[in-house]
Amino acid sequence: MSTAVAESPADIKERNKKLIGEVLEAYPDKSAKRRAKHLNTYDAEKAECSVKSNIKSIPGVMTIRGCAYAGSKGVVWGPIKDMVHISHGPVGCGQYSWGSRRNYYKGTTGVDTFGTMQFTSDFQEKDIVFGGDKKLGKIIDEIQELFPLSKGISVQSECPIGLIGDDIEAVSKAKSKQYDGKPIIPVRCEGFRGVSQSLGHHIANDVIRDWVFDKAGEKNAGFQSTPYDVAIIGDYNIGGDAWASRILLEEMGLRVIAQWSGDGTIAELENTPKAKLNILHCYRSMNYITRHMEEKFGIPWVEYNFFGPSKIEASLREIASKFDDKIKDGAERVIAKYKPRMEAVIAKYRPRLEGKKVMLYVGGLRPRHVIGAYEDLGMEVVGTGYEFAHNDDYQRTTHYVKDGTLIYDDVTGYEFEKFVEKVRPDLVGSGVKEKYIFQKMGVPFRQMHSWDYSGPYHGYDGFGIFARDMDIAINAPVWKLTKAPWS
């Protein structure tokens, strides 16, 4: 689908700037002026991508963002497997967010793990009028009776809770005292807060700080520390990602004492301040708590990228550099062990994918982190952007993208479709809301939020699956039976 004619960076920049101008012509002047700040072409001579971010979306456009509730319940708290997470408010929010993230976990659902179950207070009109505190208390009582092996409860507030002023903190404190100090944690993540799901991440981090760390006290006093204790932060185990990462860390000699929060437990959250190093995967959603632990507990942290063998090697060595020679030697041993397997994967799939162009639009870290995996397969990312990034995310992106790459923040449905139509990539990687639009346009697509029912994509185990899935998407025979509108 992409053209074979090679273009210079200057030509690409000129083309992309012209494309941005054409797209903005569809808006009224005021809206075009606002959206222009979120669209740009990356200039390698500059230290940042020069786009505005973390700003409220324009009313009336089709934004792809989520809300603060989605950031807290759907990302940070929801994957913690041995807690019951109450969607406190009308049934719709809990129903929509039910089991959609594919956060894998080990355990017996309904007995000691609850990740794929939905608990809702199912607010009705009378609850809005008279308040829902008594109803919340009753629900907590029922959960305690029905699921006594749950290790805690979180109360994930939906919009009406903040609007009517329910005191979920008082209810949580009273019920925690009633049940012998069981963690019952109120989270003020009403969807109207902030401009996207990003504030929900921040709120959830702050709640862990205030309601988990500060109340842990002498819990887990029997914990035996070692010099090689690490915590995986910001890996939600989508399709088994955290497991694929953990294998490598343990093979190089480290001990993983916590996973945040895919396949994680509340005890692991409580133990994390005992780690020697926090290993941060999703910077956007968990940098707040890692910075707090660095300031309060003196725990250093390092970002890592386990997408594709090139970035895995660099990350293993970076992590190992924080430890002694035993771990450094372990990292080299792991790299050498998997290198033949990775060479075989590249030899198989690179000839089929070489030169293919990709456009990305995802959340968290993926608009930059997956670029190396595509490049290991000879593919080129020609456009990328974030749903809910901040300025520091775009600064980090400059280390991954090439000169002239099209950059788009909080891209609207209209803009994304027009960009794809003009750039004509061989593959689009984005979310489920965009998937069927582009497939109907005749463009191969991979769902890069939850791996399209596949995975893992992290680690050496994940790279082979990643390569296979990209090959299947692009080279599937079905694309010979359909045409894009511009064909």
Foldseek 3Di string as FASTA:
>chain_A
DFDPDDDDLVVLQVVQVVLLVVLLVVDDPVLSVVQVQFWHWAALVDLFRRHAFQDADDPPFFFPFFFLLCLACVFFPLQQFLEAEEAEDAPVVQVVSAPPQQLDADDDDQARTPNRPTHYLRDDPVCLVVNCLVSVLVSVVVCCVRHVNRQEYEYRYEASCVVSPHDVVVSQVVVCVVVVNRQYFYFPRYRVPGRGNLVSLVSNLVSLVVRQQVPCPCPPVVDDDDLQEEEEARDSCQQHQVVQVVVLSVQLPHDYQAYRHRNGHSVSSNCHLRGQEYEYEQCSRHVNNQVVSCVPSVRYYDYAFQFALVRVLVRQCVVQVVDDPSSNVSSVVSSVVLVVVSVVLLVVQLVLLAAFEEAEEEAGQPQFRNLRLSVSSNYAYQEGEHSHDHRVSRSVNSVGHDNGRIYGYSDTPSSVVSVCVVSVGLEYEYAPVCQVVVVLLLHFYFDPSRGNPHDDSGHSVNSSVVSVVVSCRRVPPVSVVDHGPVD
